[in-house]
């Protein structure tokens, strides 16, 4: 292989590797943007009762999420200890 053919082969390999890295980065950023939801958790007082209050922020590009009931349960049990709809609706 001549000198210039070797330089051209290395150049083409570097360009293809760079394109693959950029495509990989774009795919990761797209995935993170499509799935980025943050949830904050705090306790809220109402008269003498208090309950958890969730701050759910949709930082993703999607427009809607279905948020179901919040069920509190122990890790080894199937039955929930309590189901909380009050914290979700605020």
PDB file of N, CA and C in Angstrom:
ATOM      1  N   UNK A   1       0.849  -1.166   0.000  1.00  0.00           N
ATOM      2  CA  UNK A   1       0.000   0.000   0.000  1.00  0.00           C
ATOM      3  C   UNK A   1       0.899   1.235   0.000  1.00  0.00           C
ATOM      4  N   UNK A   2       0.559   2.149  -0.862  1.00  0.00           N
ATOM      5  CA  UNK A   2       1.375   3.363  -0.962  1.00  0.00           C
ATOM      6  C   UNK A   2       1.060   4.302   0.199  1.00  0.00           C
ATOM      7  N   UNK A   3       1.883   5.306   0.347  1.00  0.00           N
ATOM      8  CA  UNK A   3       1.729   6.257   1.441  1.00  0.00           C
ATOM      9  C   UNK A   3       0.382   6.968   1.382  1.00  0.00           C
ATOM     10  N   UNK A   4       0.002   7.478   0.203  1.00  0.00           N
ATOM     11  CA  UNK A   4      -1.252   8.247   0.112  1.00  0.00           C
ATOM     12  C   UNK A   4      -2.495   7.354   0.240  1.00  0.00           C
ATOM     13  N   UNK A   5      -2.400   6.145  -0.216  1.00  0.00           N
ATOM     14  CA  UNK A   5      -3.525   5.220  -0.038  1.00  0.00           C
ATOM     15  C   UNK A   5      -3.724   4.901   1.445  1.00  0.00           C
ATOM     16  N   UNK A   6      -2.623   4.766   2.157  1.00  0.00           N
ATOM     17  CA  UNK A   6      -2.718   4.510   3.600  1.00  0.00           C
ATOM     18  C   UNK A   6      -3.287   5.722   4.340  1.00  0.00           C
ATOM     19  N   UNK A   7      -2.880   6.923   3.963  1.00  0.00           N
ATOM     20  CA  UNK A   7      -3.412   8.148   4.576  1.00  0.00           C
ATOM     21  C   UNK A   7      -4.910   8.255   4.305  1.00  0.00           C
ATOM     22  N   UNK A   8      -5.335   7.956   3.065  1.00  0.00           N
ATOM     23  CA  UNK A   8      -6.749   8.013   2.711  1.00  0.00           C
ATOM     24  C   UNK A   8      -7.558   6.974   3.498  1.00  0.00           C
ATOM     25  N   UNK A   9      -7.034   5.781   3.674  1.00  0.00           N
ATOM     26  CA  UNK A   9      -7.736   4.739   4.428  1.00  0.00           C
ATOM     27  C   UNK A   9      -7.885   5.143   5.897  1.00  0.00           C
ATOM     28  N   UNK A  10      -6.853   5.709   6.475  1.00  0.00           N
ATOM     29  CA  UNK A  10      -6.930   6.160   7.871  1.00  0.00           C
ATOM     30  C   UNK A  10      -7.928   7.301   8.002  1.00  0.00           C
ATOM     31  N   UNK A  11      -7.920   8.231   7.043  1.00  0.00           N
ATOM     32  CA  UNK A  11      -8.853   9.364   7.073  1.00  0.00           C
ATOM     33  C   UNK A  11     -10.303   8.886   6.987  1.00  0.00           C
ATOM     34  N   UNK A  12     -10.591   7.969   6.068  1.00  0.00           N
ATOM     35  CA  UNK A  12     -11.957   7.449   5.922  1.00  0.00           C
ATOM     36  C   UNK A  12     -12.384   6.694   7.194  1.00  0.00           C
ATOM     37  N   UNK A  13     -11.484   5.934   7.780  1.00  0.00           N
ATOM     38  CA  UNK A  13     -11.794   5.229   9.025  1.00  0.00           C
ATOM     39  C   UNK A  13     -12.104   6.187  10.165  1.00  0.00           C
ATOM     40  N   UNK A  14     -11.333   7.262  10.262  1.00  0.00           N
ATOM     41  CA  UNK A  14     -11.581   8.261  11.305  1.00  0.00           C
ATOM     42  C   UNK A  14     -12.922   8.962  11.108  1.00  0.00           C
ATOM     43  N   UNK A  15     -13.266   9.285   9.869  1.00  0.00           N
ATOM     44  CA  UNK A  15     -14.545   9.942   9.597  1.00  0.00           C
ATOM     45  C   UNK A  15     -15.700   9.022   9.951  1.00  0.00           C
ATOM     46  N   UNK A  16     -15.629   7.753   9.567  1.00  0.00           N
ATOM     47  CA  UNK A  16     -16.692   6.808   9.893  1.00  0.00           C
ATOM     48  C   UNK A  16     -16.818   6.599  11.404  1.00  0.00           C
ATOM     49  N   UNK A  17     -15.703   6.524  12.107  1.00  0.00           N
ATOM     50  CA  UNK A  17     -15.753   6.375  13.558  1.00  0.00           C
ATOM     51  C   UNK A  17     -16.377   7.614  14.204  1.00  0.00           C
ATOM     52  N   UNK A  18     -16.056   8.789  13.702  1.00  0.00           N
ATOM     53  CA  UNK A  18     -16.642  10.027  14.234  1.00  0.00           C
ATOM     54  C   UNK A  18     -18.147  10.070  13.999  1.00  0.00           C
ATOM     55  N   UNK A  19     -18.583   9.656  12.823  1.00  0.00           N
ATOM     56  CA  UNK A  19     -20.016   9.636  12.518  1.00  0.00           C
ATOM     57  C   UNK A  19     -20.735   8.659  13.445  1.00  0.00           C
ATOM     58  N   UNK A  20     -20.158   7.491  13.689  1.00  0.00           N
ATOM     59  CA  UNK A  20     -20.766   6.533  14.606  1.00  0.00           C
ATOM     60  C   UNK A  20     -20.871   7.084  16.029  1.00  0.00           C
ATOM     61  N   UNK A  21     -19.835   7.762  16.499  1.00  0.00           N
ATOM     62  CA  UNK A  21     -19.882   8.351  17.839  1.00  0.00           C
ATOM     63  C   UNK A  21     -20.947   9.436  17.935  1.00  0.00           C
ATOM     64  N   UNK A  22     -21.071  10.265  16.914  1.00  0.00           N
ATOM     65  CA  UNK A  22     -22.094  11.317  16.928  1.00  0.00           C
ATOM     66  C   UNK A  22     -23.484  10.699  16.898  1.00  0.00           C
ATOM     67  N   UNK A  23     -23.708   9.683  16.094  1.00  0.00           N
ATOM     68  CA  UNK A  23     -25.007   9.015  16.056  1.00  0.00           C
ATOM     69  C   UNK A  23     -25.334   8.371  17.396  1.00  0.00           C
ATOM     70  N   UNK A  24     -24.366   7.763  18.046  1.00  0.00           N
ATOM     71  CA  UNK A  24     -24.578   7.159  19.364  1.00  0.00           C
ATOM     72  C   UNK A  24     -24.967   8.227  20.383  1.00  0.00           C
ATOM     73  N   UNK A  25     -24.285   9.366  20.357  1.00  0.00           N
ATOM     74  CA  UNK A  25     -24.599  10.470  21.269  1.00  0.00           C
ATOM     75  C   UNK A  25     -26.014  10.999  21.020  1.00  0.00           C
ATOM     76  N   UNK A  26     -26.403  11.149  19.773  1.00  0.00           N
ATOM     77  CA  UNK A  26     -27.738  11.637  19.438  1.00  0.00           C
ATOM     78  C   UNK A  26     -28.802  10.653  19.916  1.00  0.00           C
ATOM     79  N   UNK A  27     -28.577   9.365  19.765  1.00  0.00           N
ATOM     80  CA  UNK A  27     -29.544   8.370  20.225  1.00  0.00           C
ATOM     81  C   UNK A  27     -29.700   8.409  21.749  1.00  0.00           C
ATOM     82  N   UNK A  28     -28.599   8.547  22.470  1.00  0.00           N
ATOM     83  CA  UNK A  28     -28.677   8.623  23.935  1.00  0.00           C
ATOM     84  C   UNK A  28     -29.433   9.875  24.353  1.00  0.00           C
ATOM     85  N   UNK A  29     -29.161  11.010  23.730  1.00  0.00           N
ATOM     86  CA  UNK A  29     -29.860  12.244  24.075  1.00  0.00           C
ATOM     87  C   UNK A  29     -31.347  12.145  23.750  1.00  0.00           C
ATOM     88  N   UNK A  30     -31.704  11.517  22.644  1.00  0.00           N
ATOM     89  CA  UNK A  30     -33.111  11.343  22.296  1.00  0.00           C
ATOM     90  C   UNK A  30     -33.813  10.481  23.335  1.00  0.00           C
ATOM     91  N   UNK A  31     -33.161   9.392  23.755  1.00  0.00           N
ATOM     92  CA  UNK A  31     -33.764   8.514  24.752  1.00  0.00           C
ATOM     93  C   UNK A  31     -33.970   9.249  26.072  1.00  0.00           C
ATOM     94  N   UNK A  32     -32.978  10.014  26.506  1.00  0.00           N
ATOM     95  CA  UNK A  32     -33.109  10.752  27.762  1.00  0.00           C
ATOM     96  C   UNK A  32     -34.202  11.810  27.665  1.00  0.00           C
ATOM     97  N   UNK A  33     -34.340  12.435  26.535  1.00  0.00           N
ATOM     98  CA  UNK A  33     -35.382  13.449  26.380  1.00  0.00           C
ATOM     99  C   UNK A  33     -36.770  12.811  26.344  1.00  0.00           C
ATOM    100  N   UNK A  34     -36.869  11.610  25.809  1.00  0.00           N
ATOM    101  CA  UNK A  34     -38.167  10.941  25.707  1.00  0.00           C
ATOM    102  C   UNK A  34     -38.621  10.360  27.035  1.00  0.00           C
ATOM    103  N   UNK A  35     -37.711  10.178  27.992  1.00  0.00           N
ATOM    104  CA  UNK A  35     -38.080   9.476  29.217  1.00  0.00           C
ATOM    105  C   UNK A  35     -37.790  10.248  30.493  1.00  0.00           C
ATOM    106  N   UNK A  36     -37.506  11.523  30.432  1.00  0.00           N
ATOM    107  CA  UNK A  36     -37.062  12.271  31.605  1.00  0.00           C
ATOM    108  C   UNK A  36     -38.244  12.798  32.413  1.00  0.00           C
ATOM    109  N   UNK A  37     -38.556  12.150  33.512  1.00  0.00           N
ATOM    110  CA  UNK A  37     -39.603  12.583  34.436  1.00  0.00           C
ATOM    111  C   UNK A  37     -38.987  12.603  35.826  1.00  0.00           C
ATOM    112  N   UNK A  38     -39.109  13.737  36.526  1.00  0.00           N
ATOM    113  CA  UNK A  38     -38.586  13.830  37.883  1.00  0.00           C
ATOM    114  C   UNK A  38     -39.746  13.859  38.875  1.00  0.00           C
ATOM    115  N   UNK A  39     -39.541  13.245  40.003  1.00  0.00           N
ATOM    116  CA  UNK A  39     -40.567  13.181  41.042  1.00  0.00           C
ATOM    117  C   UNK A  39     -39.962  13.698  42.337  1.00  0.00           C
ATOM    118  N   UNK A  40     -40.605  14.724  42.912  1.00  0.00           N
ATOM    119  CA  UNK A  40     -40.221  15.228  44.223  1.00  0.00           C
ATOM    120  C   UNK A  40     -41.211  14.720  45.262  1.00  0.00           C
ATOM    121  N   UNK A  41     -40.779  14.610  46.507  1.00  0.00           N
ATOM    122  CA  UNK A  41     -41.600  14.010  47.547  1.00  0.00           C
ATOM    123  C   UNK A  41     -41.470  14.858  48.812  1.00  0.00           C
ATOM    124  N   UNK A  42     -42.597  15.231  49.388  1.00  0.00           N
ATOM    125  CA  UNK A  42     -42.599  15.989  50.641  1.00  0.00           C
ATOM    126  C   UNK A  42     -43.863  15.646  51.414  1.00  0.00           C
ATOM    127  N   UNK A  43     -43.911  16.068  52.668  1.00  0.00           N
ATOM    128  CA  UNK A  43     -45.095  15.850  53.493  1.00  0.00           C
ATOM    129  C   UNK A  43     -45.886  17.135  53.572  1.00  0.00           C
ATOM    130  N   UNK A  44     -47.218  17.029  53.449  1.00  0.00           N
ATOM    131  CA  UNK A  44     -48.097  18.188  53.464  1.00  0.00           C
ATOM    132  C   UNK A  44     -49.091  18.053  54.613  1.00  0.00           C
ATOM    133  N   UNK A  45     -49.264  19.133  55.364  1.00  0.00           N
ATOM    134  CA  UNK A  45     -50.184  19.145  56.498  1.00  0.00           C
ATOM    135  C   UNK A  45     -51.520  19.720  56.085  1.00  0.00           C
ATOM    136  N   UNK A  46     -52.597  19.082  56.495  1.00  0.00           N
ATOM    137  CA  UNK A  46     -53.952  19.593  56.351  1.00  0.00           C
ATOM    138  C   UNK A  46     -54.650  19.389  57.686  1.00  0.00           C
ATOM    139  N   UNK A  47     -54.860  20.456  58.410  1.00  0.00           N
ATOM    140  CA  UNK A  47     -55.420  20.418  59.762  1.00  0.00           C
ATOM    141  C   UNK A  47     -54.513  19.554  60.633  1.00  0.00           C
ATOM    142  N   UNK A  48     -55.041  18.469  61.181  1.00  0.00           N
ATOM    143  CA  UNK A  48     -54.217  17.602  62.030  1.00  0.00           C
ATOM    144  C   UNK A  48     -53.618  16.432  61.262  1.00  0.00           C
ATOM    145  N   UNK A  49     -54.049  16.232  60.043  1.00  0.00           N
ATOM    146  CA  UNK A  49     -53.548  15.116  59.233  1.00  0.00           C
ATOM    147  C   UNK A  49     -52.416  15.581  58.334  1.00  0.00           C
ATOM    148  N   UNK A  50     -51.544  14.669  57.990  1.00  0.00           N
ATOM    149  CA  UNK A  50     -50.520  14.953  57.005  1.00  0.00           C
ATOM    150  C   UNK A  50     -50.421  13.774  56.053  1.00  0.00           C
ATOM    151  N   UNK A  51     -50.028  14.078  54.842  1.00  0.00           N
ATOM    152  CA  UNK A  51     -49.914  13.048  53.814  1.00  0.00           C
ATOM    153  C   UNK A  51     -48.800  13.439  52.858  1.00  0.00           C
ATOM    154  N   UNK A  52     -48.269  12.477  52.104  1.00  0.00           N
ATOM    155  CA  UNK A  52     -47.202  12.819  51.157  1.00  0.00           C
ATOM    156  C   UNK A  52     -47.747  13.639  50.000  1.00  0.00           C
ATOM    157  N   UNK A  53     -46.927  14.531  49.512  1.00  0.00           N
ATOM    158  CA  UNK A  53     -47.276  15.354  48.364  1.00  0.00           C
ATOM    159  C   UNK A  53     -46.193  15.160  47.305  1.00  0.00           C
ATOM    160  N   UNK A  54     -46.613  14.804  46.117  1.00  0.00           N
ATOM    161  CA  UNK A  54     -45.665  14.518  45.053  1.00  0.00           C
ATOM    162  C   UNK A  54     -45.618  15.666  44.057  1.00  0.00           C
ATOM    163  N   UNK A  55     -44.418  16.071  43.696  1.00  0.00           N
ATOM    164  CA  UNK A  55     -44.202  17.083  42.672  1.00  0.00           C
ATOM    165  C   UNK A  55     -43.645  16.358  41.453  1.00  0.00           C
ATOM    166  N   UNK A  56     -44.480  16.151  40.452  1.00  0.00           N
ATOM    167  CA  UNK A  56     -44.087  15.382  39.278  1.00  0.00           C
ATOM    168  C   UNK A  56     -43.863  16.343  38.123  1.00  0.00           C
ATOM    169  N   UNK A  57     -42.655  16.382  37.608  1.00  0.00           N
ATOM    170  CA  UNK A  57     -42.289  17.289  36.524  1.00  0.00           C
ATOM    171  C   UNK A  57     -41.959  16.491  35.271  1.00  0.00           C
ATOM    172  N   UNK A  58     -42.633  16.835  34.209  1.00  0.00           N
ATOM    173  CA  UNK A  58     -42.390  16.181  32.930  1.00  0.00           C
ATOM    174  C   UNK A  58     -41.378  17.011  32.154  1.00  0.00           C
ATOM    175  N   UNK A  59     -40.140  16.575  32.151  1.00  0.00           N
ATOM    176  CA  UNK A  59     -39.096  17.263  31.395  1.00  0.00           C
ATOM    177  C   UNK A  59     -38.864  16.594  30.042  1.00  0.00           C
ATOM    178  N   UNK A  60     -39.711  15.646  29.709  1.00  0.00           N
ATOM    179  CA  UNK A  60     -39.568  14.909  28.461  1.00  0.00           C
ATOM    180  C   UNK A  60     -40.292  15.632  27.335  1.00  0.00           C
ATOM    181  N   UNK A  61     -40.083  15.184  26.132  1.00  0.00           N
ATOM    182  CA  UNK A  61     -40.757  15.789  24.988  1.00  0.00           C
ATOM    183  C   UNK A  61     -42.157  15.221  24.793  1.00  0.00           C
ATOM    184  N   UNK A  62     -42.494  14.146  25.506  1.00  0.00           N
ATOM    185  CA  UNK A  62     -43.843  13.609  25.386  1.00  0.00           C
ATOM    186  C   UNK A  62     -44.814  14.532  26.110  1.00  0.00           C
ATOM    187  N   UNK A  63     -46.077  14.448  25.766  1.00  0.00           N
ATOM    188  CA  UNK A  63     -47.057  15.396  26.265  1.00  0.00           C
ATOM    189  C   UNK A  63     -47.926  14.868  27.395  1.00  0.00           C
ATOM    190  N   UNK A  64     -48.081  13.570  27.528  1.00  0.00           N
ATOM    191  CA  UNK A  64     -48.999  13.064  28.545  1.00  0.00           C
ATOM    192  C   UNK A  64     -48.447  11.810  29.200  1.00  0.00           C
ATOM    193  N   UNK A  65     -48.820  11.657  30.462  1.00  0.00           N
ATOM    194  CA  UNK A  65     -48.491  10.465  31.224  1.00  0.00           C
ATOM    195  C   UNK A  65     -49.736  10.022  31.967  1.00  0.00           C
ATOM    196  N   UNK A  66     -49.881   8.745  32.168  1.00  0.00           N
ATOM    197  CA  UNK A  66     -50.965   8.206  32.966  1.00  0.00           C
ATOM    198  C   UNK A  66     -50.398   7.912  34.347  1.00  0.00           C
ATOM    199  N   UNK A  67     -50.879   8.651  35.341  1.00  0.00           N
ATOM    200  CA  UNK A  67     -50.402   8.459  36.702  1.00  0.00           C
ATOM    201  C   UNK A  67     -51.462   7.696  37.474  1.00  0.00           C
ATOM    202  N   UNK A  68     -51.129   6.528  37.934  1.00  0.00           N
ATOM    203  CA  UNK A  68     -52.088   5.659  38.622  1.00  0.00           C
ATOM    204  C   UNK A  68     -52.073   5.950  40.112  1.00  0.00           C
ATOM    205  N   UNK A  69     -52.771   5.132  40.862  1.00  0.00           N
ATOM    206  CA  UNK A  69     -52.814   5.268  42.309  1.00  0.00           C
ATOM    207  C   UNK A  69     -51.433   5.015  42.905  1.00  0.00           C
ATOM    208  N   UNK A  70     -51.198   5.622  44.061  1.00  0.00           N
ATOM    209  CA  UNK A  70     -49.971   5.374  44.794  1.00  0.00           C
ATOM    210  C   UNK A  70     -50.286   4.313  45.838  1.00  0.00           C
ATOM    211  N   UNK A  71     -49.606   3.189  45.756  1.00  0.00           N
ATOM    212  CA  UNK A  71     -49.846   2.083  46.686  1.00  0.00           C
ATOM    213  C   UNK A  71     -48.613   1.901  47.556  1.00  0.00           C
ATOM    214  N   UNK A  72     -48.824   1.915  48.861  1.00  0.00           N
ATOM    215  CA  UNK A  72     -47.751   1.671  49.823  1.00  0.00           C
ATOM    216  C   UNK A  72     -47.816   0.205  50.228  1.00  0.00           C
ATOM    217  N   UNK A  73     -46.677  -0.493  50.077  1.00  0.00           N
ATOM    218  CA  UNK A  73     -46.647  -1.892  50.486  1.00  0.00           C
ATOM    219  C   UNK A  73     -45.244  -2.274  50.911  1.00  0.00           C
ATOM    220  N   UNK A  74     -45.168  -3.327  51.674  1.00  0.00           N
ATOM    221  CA  UNK A  74     -43.870  -3.847  52.094  1.00  0.00           C
ATOM    222  C   UNK A  74     -43.252  -4.591  50.912  1.00  0.00           C
ATOM    223  N   UNK A  75     -41.953  -4.695  50.914  1.00  0.00           N
ATOM    224  CA  UNK A  75     -41.269  -5.265  49.755  1.00  0.00           C
ATOM    225  C   UNK A  75     -41.604  -6.733  49.520  1.00  0.00           C
ATOM    226  N   UNK A  76     -41.894  -7.483  50.567  1.00  0.00           N
ATOM    227  CA  UNK A  76     -42.135  -8.913  50.400  1.00  0.00           C
ATOM    228  C   UNK A  76     -43.612  -9.260  50.217  1.00  0.00           C
ATOM    229  N   UNK A  77     -44.505  -8.301  50.395  1.00  0.00           N
ATOM    230  CA  UNK A  77     -45.933  -8.594  50.345  1.00  0.00           C
ATOM    231  C   UNK A  77     -46.559  -8.117  49.044  1.00  0.00           C
ATOM    232  N   UNK A  78     -47.607  -8.813  48.641  1.00  0.00           N
ATOM    233  CA  UNK A  78     -48.340  -8.425  47.446  1.00  0.00           C
ATOM    234  C   UNK A  78     -49.448  -7.420  47.753  1.00  0.00           C
ATOM    235  N   UNK A  79     -50.096  -7.545  48.916  1.00  0.00           N
ATOM    236  CA  UNK A  79     -51.200  -6.676  49.290  1.00  0.00           C
ATOM    237  C   UNK A  79     -50.680  -5.303  49.709  1.00  0.00           C
ATOM    238  N   UNK A  80     -51.274  -4.228  49.197  1.00  0.00           N
ATOM    239  CA  UNK A  80     -50.834  -2.897  49.624  1.00  0.00           C
ATOM    240  C   UNK A  80     -51.309  -2.577  51.039  1.00  0.00           C
ATOM    241  N   UNK A  81     -50.496  -1.800  51.751  1.00  0.00           N
ATOM    242  CA  UNK A  81     -50.874  -1.338  53.086  1.00  0.00           C
ATOM    243  C   UNK A  81     -51.909  -0.223  52.977  1.00  0.00           C
ATOM    244  N   UNK A  82     -51.740   0.650  52.008  1.00  0.00           N
ATOM    245  CA  UNK A  82     -52.665   1.764  51.818  1.00  0.00           C
ATOM    246  C   UNK A  82     -52.595   2.219  50.367  1.00  0.00           C
ATOM    247  N   UNK A  83     -53.679   2.783  49.881  1.00  0.00           N
ATOM    248  CA  UNK A  83     -53.724   3.367  48.546  1.00  0.00           C
ATOM    249  C   UNK A  83     -54.036   4.845  48.703  1.00  0.00           C
ATOM    250  N   UNK A  84     -53.209   5.681  48.099  1.00  0.00           N
ATOM    251  CA  UNK A  84     -53.308   7.117  48.305  1.00  0.00           C
ATOM    252  C   UNK A  84     -53.655   7.810  46.982  1.00  0.00           C
ATOM    253  N   UNK A  85     -54.854   8.380  46.901  1.00  0.00           N
ATOM    254  CA  UNK A  85     -55.224   9.159  45.731  1.00  0.00           C
ATOM    255  C   UNK A  85     -55.137  10.659  46.009  1.00  0.00           C
ATOM    256  N   UNK A  86     -55.136  11.059  47.261  1.00  0.00           N
ATOM    257  CA  UNK A  86     -55.143  12.464  47.623  1.00  0.00           C
ATOM    258  C   UNK A  86     -53.849  13.158  47.195  1.00  0.00           C
ATOM    259  N   UNK A  87     -52.714  12.495  47.324  1.00  0.00           N
ATOM    260  CA  UNK A  87     -51.431  13.100  47.000  1.00  0.00           C
ATOM    261  C   UNK A  87     -51.248  13.294  45.507  1.00  0.00           C
ATOM    262  N   UNK A  88     -51.886  12.469  44.706  1.00  0.00           N
ATOM    263  CA  UNK A  88     -51.731  12.559  43.262  1.00  0.00           C
ATOM    264  C   UNK A  88     -52.560  13.687  42.685  1.00  0.00           C
ATOM    265  N   UNK A  89     -53.720  13.923  43.234  1.00  0.00           N
ATOM    266  CA  UNK A  89     -54.653  14.884  42.651  1.00  0.00           C
ATOM    267  C   UNK A  89     -54.324  16.343  42.901  1.00  0.00           C
ATOM    268  N   UNK A  90     -53.257  16.660  43.604  1.00  0.00           N
ATOM    269  CA  UNK A  90     -52.963  18.059  43.926  1.00  0.00           C
ATOM    270  C   UNK A  90     -51.916  18.646  43.039  1.00  0.00           C
TER     271      UNK A  90
END
